[in-house]
Protein backbone atom coordinates (compact mmCIF):
# COMPACT_ATOMS: atom_id res chain seq x y z
CA UNK A 1 0.25 -9.28 -8.90
CA UNK A 2 -1.88 -7.89 -11.62
CA UNK A 3 -4.66 -9.92 -10.85
CA UNK A 4 -4.54 -9.04 -7.43
CA UNK A 5 -4.59 -5.63 -8.20
CA UNK A 6 -7.44 -5.51 -10.91
CA UNK A 7 -9.50 -7.45 -7.74
CA UNK A 8 -8.83 -3.94 -5.84
CA UNK A 9 -9.73 -2.27 -8.75
CA UNK A 10 -13.15 -3.77 -9.47
CA UNK A 11 -13.76 -2.65 -5.51
CA UNK A 12 -12.89 1.06 -6.60
CA UNK A 13 -9.98 0.57 -4.53
CA UNK A 14 -6.75 2.13 -6.47
CA UNK A 15 -3.51 0.35 -5.01
CA UNK A 16 0.13 2.11 -4.80
CA UNK A 17 3.37 1.76 -3.01
CA UNK A 18 4.84 4.86 -0.83
CA UNK A 19 8.39 4.65 -0.09
CA UNK A 20 11.00 7.29 0.32
CA UNK A 21 13.30 6.64 -1.96
CA UNK A 22 13.26 9.15 -5.04
CA UNK A 23 11.29 9.13 -8.55
CA UNK A 24 14.08 7.83 -10.61
CA UNK A 25 14.57 4.86 -8.35
CA UNK A 26 10.85 4.07 -7.89
CA UNK A 27 10.43 4.48 -11.93
CA UNK A 28 13.29 1.83 -12.25
CA UNK A 29 11.92 -0.06 -9.85
CA UNK A 30 8.30 -0.09 -11.60
CA UNK A 31 10.14 -0.95 -15.15
CA UNK A 32 12.03 -3.69 -13.24
CA UNK A 33 9.51 -6.30 -11.43
CA UNK A 34 6.75 -4.92 -13.95
CA UNK A 35 4.20 -2.88 -11.24
CA UNK A 36 0.95 -2.47 -12.51
CA UNK A 37 0.66 0.64 -9.77
CA UNK A 38 2.38 3.73 -9.15
CA UNK A 39 5.14 3.87 -6.01
CA UNK A 40 5.08 7.57 -4.60
CA UNK A 41 7.79 9.60 -3.02
CA UNK A 42 7.72 9.49 1.08
CA UNK A 43 10.38 12.48 1.68
CA UNK A 44 11.13 13.03 5.19
CA UNK A 45 9.20 9.62 5.58
CA UNK A 46 6.67 11.39 7.17
CA UNK A 47 4.15 8.46 5.58
CA UNK A 48 5.64 6.01 6.89
CA UNK A 49 5.61 7.41 10.11
CA UNK A 50 2.30 8.37 10.17
CA UNK A 51 1.69 4.79 9.20
CA UNK A 52 3.79 3.05 11.62
CA UNK A 53 5.98 1.61 9.15
CA UNK A 54 9.40 2.41 10.34
CA UNK A 55 11.30 -0.35 11.65
CA UNK A 56 11.43 -0.02 15.86
CA UNK A 57 15.17 1.20 15.84
CA UNK A 58 14.61 3.59 12.99
CA UNK A 59 16.76 2.03 10.66
CA UNK A 60 14.40 1.88 7.99
CA UNK A 61 11.29 1.17 6.81
CA UNK A 62 9.42 -2.11 7.30
CA UNK A 63 6.54 -3.34 4.51
CA UNK A 64 3.51 -2.54 5.92
CA UNK A 65 -0.09 -2.81 3.97
CA UNK A 66 -2.18 -0.09 4.97
CA UNK A 67 -6.21 0.26 3.37
CA UNK A 68 -7.51 3.66 3.84
CA UNK A 69 -11.38 3.74 3.45
CA UNK A 70 -13.27 6.51 1.50
CA UNK A 71 -13.61 8.51 4.56
CA UNK A 72 -10.13 8.48 5.68
CA UNK A 73 -10.54 5.70 8.21
CA UNK A 74 -7.70 2.88 8.28
CA UNK A 75 -9.69 -0.41 7.04
CA UNK A 76 -6.77 -2.49 7.46
CA UNK A 77 -2.95 -2.44 8.78
CA UNK A 78 -0.21 -5.23 8.36
CA UNK A 79 3.22 -5.37 8.70
CA UNK A 80 4.66 -7.81 6.01
CA UNK A 81 2.68 -8.97 3.27
CA UNK A 82 -0.58 -10.31 3.99
CA UNK A 83 -2.40 -12.10 0.92
CA UNK A 84 -4.52 -10.39 -1.11
CA UNK A 85 -7.53 -12.42 -0.84
CA UNK A 86 -7.20 -11.34 2.99
CA UNK A 87 -7.26 -7.24 1.50
CA UNK A 88 -10.37 -8.00 -0.66
CA UNK A 89 -12.29 -9.64 1.82
CA UNK A 90 -12.04 -6.14 3.89
CA UNK A 91 -13.11 -3.86 1.11
CA UNK A 92 -15.82 -6.58 0.71
CA UNK A 93 -17.05 -6.04 3.98
CA UNK A 94 -16.56 -2.66 3.96
CA UNK A 95 -18.31 -1.98 0.47
CA UNK A 96 -21.30 -3.99 2.33
CA UNK A 97 -21.55 -2.09 5.23
CA UNK A 98 -21.24 1.57 3.33
């Protein structure tokens, strides 16, 4: 995973996760899985709602990858776990268009 994170950072992009769990839970999860990025607390699921990551029945969060450009526009959005290369390609295209 750290190779993918390095590819994002080389393109001046900082990855992070967002989840409604509390900060202590996030710290434990990061340590258990050696995540090379931060997890942010989404109190009230406001971020999940804004980016369409709440399951249709409202029962929880559906893993969703969202890439937000420096101008605030959503450049990429996919439910599940898209391949990092797919996301990097979008970043490179955005950088070329800048």
